Amino acid sequence: MAYDIMLEQTDPTHVCIELDTYWVEFAGMSIAEFMKKYGTRMKLLHIKDMKSMEDKNNTEIGKGIIDVPAIIKAGKELNVPWYIVEQEYFDMAQIPSITESVRYLRSIT
């Protein structure tokens, strides 16, 4: 994988991973395995959710198929310092959508 080459060829004190969990899921990979493999280099996590494998659009966090509680748990175990909520597609107005995602994240942390 390109990540393997990049991380083997760079200094961990200067290069870290900013993982977008949505795209790992989109590619059909295990987010948990990915985090386990590269966790020591992970400093930022983009938290997104996906409606379904058929409808791969973003949705409010907690409403889709991505196991967000497992991601947060793994992030805490790996001491990931930064979490970024990201969403590009909205079925509802953006502020209520963001509010719903934040409420869900607060309920599980």
N, C-alpha and C. Protein backbone atom coordinates (compact mmCIF):
# COMPACT_ATOMS: atom_id res chain seq x y z
N MET A 1 0.83 -1.18 0.00
CA MET A 1 0.00 0.00 0.00
C MET A 1 0.88 1.25 0.00
N ALA A 2 0.37 2.29 -0.57
CA ALA A 2 1.12 3.55 -0.64
C ALA A 2 1.47 4.06 0.77
N TYR A 3 0.57 3.84 1.72
CA TYR A 3 0.87 4.27 3.09
C TYR A 3 2.13 3.58 3.62
N ASP A 4 2.28 2.29 3.32
CA ASP A 4 3.47 1.56 3.77
C ASP A 4 4.74 2.21 3.23
N ILE A 5 4.75 2.49 1.95
CA ILE A 5 5.93 3.09 1.33
C ILE A 5 6.20 4.47 1.92
N MET A 6 5.16 5.29 2.02
CA MET A 6 5.32 6.64 2.55
C MET A 6 5.86 6.62 3.98
N LEU A 7 5.30 5.76 4.82
CA LEU A 7 5.71 5.75 6.22
C LEU A 7 7.08 5.11 6.43
N GLU A 8 7.42 4.16 5.58
CA GLU A 8 8.76 3.57 5.66
C GLU A 8 9.84 4.56 5.26
N GLN A 9 9.49 5.50 4.39
CA GLN A 9 10.47 6.43 3.83
C GLN A 9 10.48 7.79 4.52
N THR A 10 9.71 7.95 5.59
CA THR A 10 9.64 9.25 6.25
C THR A 10 9.91 9.12 7.74
N ASP A 11 10.29 10.22 8.33
CA ASP A 11 10.62 10.31 9.75
C ASP A 11 9.32 10.52 10.54
N PRO A 12 9.01 9.64 11.50
CA PRO A 12 7.78 9.78 12.28
C PRO A 12 7.68 11.08 13.06
N THR A 13 8.78 11.73 13.33
CA THR A 13 8.71 13.00 14.04
C THR A 13 8.26 14.14 13.13
N HIS A 14 8.26 13.89 11.81
CA HIS A 14 7.89 14.93 10.86
C HIS A 14 6.67 14.60 10.00
N VAL A 15 6.31 13.32 9.91
CA VAL A 15 5.20 12.91 9.04
C VAL A 15 4.24 12.04 9.83
N CYS A 16 2.97 12.47 9.86
CA CYS A 16 1.94 11.68 10.54
C CYS A 16 0.80 11.42 9.55
N ILE A 17 -0.16 10.64 10.00
CA ILE A 17 -1.33 10.32 9.18
C ILE A 17 -2.52 11.14 9.65
N GLU A 18 -3.24 11.67 8.68
CA GLU A 18 -4.53 12.29 8.92
C GLU A 18 -5.54 11.38 8.23
N LEU A 19 -6.11 10.46 9.00
CA LEU A 19 -6.95 9.40 8.44
C LEU A 19 -8.39 9.86 8.26
N ASP A 20 -8.89 9.67 7.05
CA ASP A 20 -10.31 9.93 6.76
C ASP A 20 -11.01 8.57 6.81
N THR A 21 -11.71 8.32 7.90
CA THR A 21 -12.32 7.02 8.14
C THR A 21 -13.32 6.63 7.06
N TYR A 22 -14.00 7.60 6.49
CA TYR A 22 -14.98 7.34 5.43
C TYR A 22 -14.33 6.64 4.24
N TRP A 23 -13.18 7.15 3.81
CA TRP A 23 -12.55 6.60 2.61
C TRP A 23 -11.96 5.21 2.84
N VAL A 24 -11.57 4.91 4.07
CA VAL A 24 -11.12 3.55 4.38
C VAL A 24 -12.31 2.60 4.22
N GLU A 25 -13.45 2.98 4.78
CA GLU A 25 -14.68 2.18 4.65
C GLU A 25 -15.12 2.08 3.19
N PHE A 26 -15.06 3.20 2.48
CA PHE A 26 -15.45 3.24 1.07
C PHE A 26 -14.64 2.24 0.25
N ALA A 27 -13.36 2.11 0.59
CA ALA A 27 -12.46 1.19 -0.12
C ALA A 27 -12.68 -0.27 0.29
N GLY A 28 -13.57 -0.50 1.26
CA GLY A 28 -13.86 -1.87 1.69
C GLY A 28 -12.85 -2.42 2.67
N MET A 29 -12.08 -1.55 3.29
CA MET A 29 -11.08 -1.98 4.26
C MET A 29 -11.64 -1.86 5.67
N SER A 30 -10.99 -2.52 6.60
CA SER A 30 -11.37 -2.44 8.01
C SER A 30 -10.71 -1.23 8.65
N ILE A 31 -11.52 -0.31 9.15
CA ILE A 31 -10.97 0.87 9.82
C ILE A 31 -10.18 0.44 11.05
N ALA A 32 -10.71 -0.53 11.80
CA ALA A 32 -10.02 -1.00 13.02
C ALA A 32 -8.64 -1.55 12.68
N GLU A 33 -8.54 -2.36 11.64
CA GLU A 33 -7.24 -2.92 11.24
C GLU A 33 -6.29 -1.84 10.76
N PHE A 34 -6.82 -0.91 10.00
CA PHE A 34 -6.01 0.19 9.49
C PHE A 34 -5.45 1.00 10.66
N MET A 35 -6.31 1.31 11.63
CA MET A 35 -5.87 2.08 12.79
C MET A 35 -4.84 1.30 13.60
N LYS A 36 -5.03 0.00 13.73
CA LYS A 36 -4.09 -0.83 14.49
C LYS A 36 -2.72 -0.82 13.81
N LYS A 37 -2.71 -0.92 12.49
CA LYS A 37 -1.47 -1.00 11.73
C LYS A 37 -0.70 0.32 11.76
N TYR A 38 -1.39 1.45 11.60
CA TYR A 38 -0.73 2.74 11.46
C TYR A 38 -0.91 3.66 12.66
N GLY A 39 -1.47 3.13 13.72
CA GLY A 39 -1.87 3.95 14.86
C GLY A 39 -0.82 4.84 15.46
N THR A 40 0.42 4.37 15.53
CA THR A 40 1.45 5.19 16.16
C THR A 40 1.76 6.44 15.35
N ARG A 41 1.38 6.46 14.09
CA ARG A 41 1.63 7.62 13.22
C ARG A 41 0.39 8.49 13.04
N MET A 42 -0.72 8.08 13.62
CA MET A 42 -1.99 8.77 13.42
C MET A 42 -2.16 9.89 14.44
N LYS A 43 -2.31 11.11 13.94
CA LYS A 43 -2.48 12.26 14.82
C LYS A 43 -3.82 12.96 14.61
N LEU A 44 -4.46 12.70 13.48
CA LEU A 44 -5.75 13.33 13.17
C LEU A 44 -6.69 12.29 12.58
N LEU A 45 -7.94 12.32 13.03
CA LEU A 45 -8.97 11.42 12.50
C LEU A 45 -10.13 12.24 11.94
N HIS A 46 -10.44 12.01 10.69
CA HIS A 46 -11.65 12.60 10.11
C HIS A 46 -12.78 11.62 10.40
N ILE A 47 -13.77 12.06 11.13
CA ILE A 47 -14.91 11.21 11.47
C ILE A 47 -16.05 11.56 10.51
N LYS A 48 -16.47 10.58 9.74
CA LYS A 48 -17.60 10.72 8.82
C LYS A 48 -18.46 9.48 8.98
N ASP A 49 -19.65 9.52 8.42
CA ASP A 49 -20.50 8.34 8.40
C ASP A 49 -21.02 8.16 6.99
N MET A 50 -21.33 6.92 6.63
CA MET A 50 -21.80 6.55 5.30
C MET A 50 -23.19 5.94 5.41
N LYS A 51 -24.10 6.41 4.56
CA LYS A 51 -25.48 5.91 4.62
C LYS A 51 -25.53 4.39 4.51
N SER A 52 -24.95 3.84 3.48
CA SER A 52 -24.94 2.39 3.27
C SER A 52 -23.89 2.08 2.22
N MET A 53 -23.61 0.79 2.02
CA MET A 53 -22.66 0.42 0.96
C MET A 53 -23.26 0.67 -0.42
N GLU A 54 -24.58 0.72 -0.50
CA GLU A 54 -25.23 1.00 -1.77
C GLU A 54 -25.29 2.52 -2.03
N ASP A 55 -25.62 3.27 -1.01
CA ASP A 55 -25.69 4.73 -1.09
C ASP A 55 -24.53 5.27 -0.25
N LYS A 56 -23.43 5.50 -0.90
CA LYS A 56 -22.20 5.85 -0.19
C LYS A 56 -22.07 7.32 0.16
N ASN A 57 -23.18 8.05 0.12
CA ASN A 57 -23.13 9.45 0.53
C ASN A 57 -22.92 9.56 2.03
N ASN A 58 -22.37 10.71 2.44
CA ASN A 58 -22.23 11.00 3.87
C ASN A 58 -23.60 11.16 4.49
N THR A 59 -23.65 10.92 5.77
CA THR A 59 -24.85 11.19 6.55
C THR A 59 -24.41 11.66 7.92
N GLU A 60 -25.37 12.08 8.73
CA GLU A 60 -25.04 12.53 10.08
C GLU A 60 -24.36 11.39 10.84
N ILE A 61 -23.38 11.75 11.63
CA ILE A 61 -22.63 10.75 12.38
C ILE A 61 -23.57 10.03 13.34
N GLY A 62 -23.51 8.70 13.28
CA GLY A 62 -24.38 7.87 14.10
C GLY A 62 -25.58 7.34 13.36
N LYS A 63 -25.85 7.86 12.15
CA LYS A 63 -27.01 7.40 11.38
C LYS A 63 -26.63 6.40 10.29
N GLY A 64 -25.34 6.21 10.07
CA GLY A 64 -24.90 5.37 8.97
C GLY A 64 -24.34 4.03 9.42
N ILE A 65 -23.51 3.46 8.57
CA ILE A 65 -23.01 2.10 8.79
C ILE A 65 -21.62 2.04 9.43
N ILE A 66 -20.95 3.16 9.53
CA ILE A 66 -19.60 3.15 10.09
C ILE A 66 -19.68 3.04 11.61
N ASP A 67 -18.83 2.19 12.16
CA ASP A 67 -18.82 1.94 13.61
C ASP A 67 -18.04 3.05 14.31
N VAL A 68 -18.69 4.19 14.45
CA VAL A 68 -18.05 5.38 15.04
C VAL A 68 -17.61 5.12 16.48
N PRO A 69 -18.41 4.47 17.34
CA PRO A 69 -17.93 4.21 18.71
C PRO A 69 -16.61 3.43 18.72
N ALA A 70 -16.46 2.46 17.83
CA ALA A 70 -15.21 1.69 17.77
C ALA A 70 -14.04 2.56 17.33
N ILE A 71 -14.30 3.49 16.42
CA ILE A 71 -13.25 4.40 15.95
C ILE A 71 -12.80 5.31 17.09
N ILE A 72 -13.77 5.87 17.80
CA ILE A 72 -13.44 6.76 18.93
C ILE A 72 -12.67 5.99 19.99
N LYS A 73 -13.11 4.78 20.30
CA LYS A 73 -12.42 3.95 21.29
C LYS A 73 -10.98 3.68 20.87
N ALA A 74 -10.79 3.27 19.62
CA ALA A 74 -9.44 2.99 19.13
C ALA A 74 -8.59 4.26 19.14
N GLY A 75 -9.20 5.37 18.76
CA GLY A 75 -8.48 6.64 18.78
C GLY A 75 -8.00 7.00 20.17
N LYS A 76 -8.83 6.77 21.17
CA LYS A 76 -8.43 7.05 22.56
C LYS A 76 -7.30 6.13 22.98
N GLU A 77 -7.39 4.84 22.60
CA GLU A 77 -6.34 3.88 22.95
C GLU A 77 -5.01 4.24 22.29
N LEU A 78 -5.07 4.84 21.10
CA LEU A 78 -3.87 5.23 20.36
C LEU A 78 -3.43 6.66 20.68
N ASN A 79 -4.15 7.31 21.59
CA ASN A 79 -3.83 8.69 21.97
C ASN A 79 -3.87 9.66 20.79
N VAL A 80 -4.84 9.48 19.92
CA VAL A 80 -5.01 10.41 18.80
C VAL A 80 -5.49 11.74 19.38
N PRO A 81 -4.73 12.81 19.13
CA PRO A 81 -5.09 14.08 19.77
C PRO A 81 -6.18 14.89 19.06
N TRP A 82 -6.40 14.69 17.77
CA TRP A 82 -7.34 15.53 17.02
C TRP A 82 -8.38 14.70 16.30
N TYR A 83 -9.65 15.11 16.42
CA TYR A 83 -10.78 14.50 15.73
C TYR A 83 -11.47 15.60 14.93
N ILE A 84 -11.72 15.34 13.68
CA ILE A 84 -12.33 16.33 12.79
C ILE A 84 -13.64 15.76 12.26
N VAL A 85 -14.73 16.46 12.50
CA VAL A 85 -16.02 16.04 11.97
C VAL A 85 -16.14 16.61 10.56
N GLU A 86 -16.45 15.74 9.62
CA GLU A 86 -16.53 16.17 8.23
C GLU A 86 -17.75 15.57 7.57
N GLN A 87 -18.42 16.36 6.78
CA GLN A 87 -19.57 15.89 6.02
C GLN A 87 -19.71 16.76 4.78
N GLU A 88 -19.86 16.12 3.63
CA GLU A 88 -19.98 16.87 2.38
C GLU A 88 -21.38 16.85 1.79
N TYR A 89 -22.19 15.87 2.19
CA TYR A 89 -23.51 15.69 1.60
C TYR A 89 -24.55 15.83 2.70
N PHE A 90 -25.59 16.59 2.44
CA PHE A 90 -26.60 16.85 3.48
C PHE A 90 -28.01 16.59 2.94
N ASP A 91 -28.81 15.82 3.68
CA ASP A 91 -30.23 15.63 3.37
C ASP A 91 -31.07 16.70 4.06
N MET A 92 -30.51 17.34 5.05
CA MET A 92 -31.21 18.39 5.80
C MET A 92 -30.33 19.63 5.80
N ALA A 93 -30.83 20.71 6.34
CA ALA A 93 -30.03 21.94 6.43
C ALA A 93 -28.75 21.65 7.21
N GLN A 94 -27.69 22.34 6.87
CA GLN A 94 -26.37 22.03 7.43
C GLN A 94 -26.28 22.20 8.94
N ILE A 95 -26.81 23.27 9.50
CA ILE A 95 -26.69 23.50 10.95
C ILE A 95 -27.41 22.42 11.75
N PRO A 96 -28.66 22.06 11.43
CA PRO A 96 -29.29 20.95 12.15
C PRO A 96 -28.53 19.63 11.97
N SER A 97 -27.99 19.41 10.79
CA SER A 97 -27.22 18.20 10.53
C SER A 97 -25.97 18.14 11.41
N ILE A 98 -25.23 19.22 11.44
CA ILE A 98 -24.02 19.29 12.26
C ILE A 98 -24.37 19.14 13.73
N THR A 99 -25.45 19.79 14.14
CA THR A 99 -25.91 19.70 15.53
C THR A 99 -26.20 18.25 15.90
N GLU A 100 -26.86 17.53 15.02
CA GLU A 100 -27.18 16.12 15.26
C GLU A 100 -25.90 15.28 15.40
N SER A 101 -24.93 15.52 14.54
CA SER A 101 -23.66 14.79 14.61
C SER A 101 -22.93 15.08 15.92
N VAL A 102 -22.89 16.34 16.31
CA VAL A 102 -22.20 16.71 17.55
C VAL A 102 -22.90 16.09 18.76
N ARG A 103 -24.22 16.12 18.78
CA ARG A 103 -24.97 15.49 19.89
C ARG A 103 -24.63 14.01 20.00
N TYR A 104 -24.59 13.33 18.86
CA TYR A 104 -24.29 11.90 18.87
C TYR A 104 -22.87 11.69 19.40
N LEU A 105 -21.91 12.43 18.90
CA LEU A 105 -20.53 12.25 19.35
C LEU A 105 -20.39 12.51 20.85
N ARG A 106 -21.07 13.51 21.35
CA ARG A 106 -21.02 13.79 22.79
C ARG A 106 -21.64 12.65 23.59
N SER A 107 -22.63 11.99 23.03
CA SER A 107 -23.31 10.90 23.75
C SER A 107 -22.44 9.65 23.86
N ILE A 108 -21.45 9.50 23.01
CA ILE A 108 -20.62 8.29 23.02
C ILE A 108 -19.20 8.53 23.55
N THR A 109 -18.89 9.77 23.90
CA THR A 109 -17.53 10.04 24.39
C THR A 109 -17.53 10.31 25.88
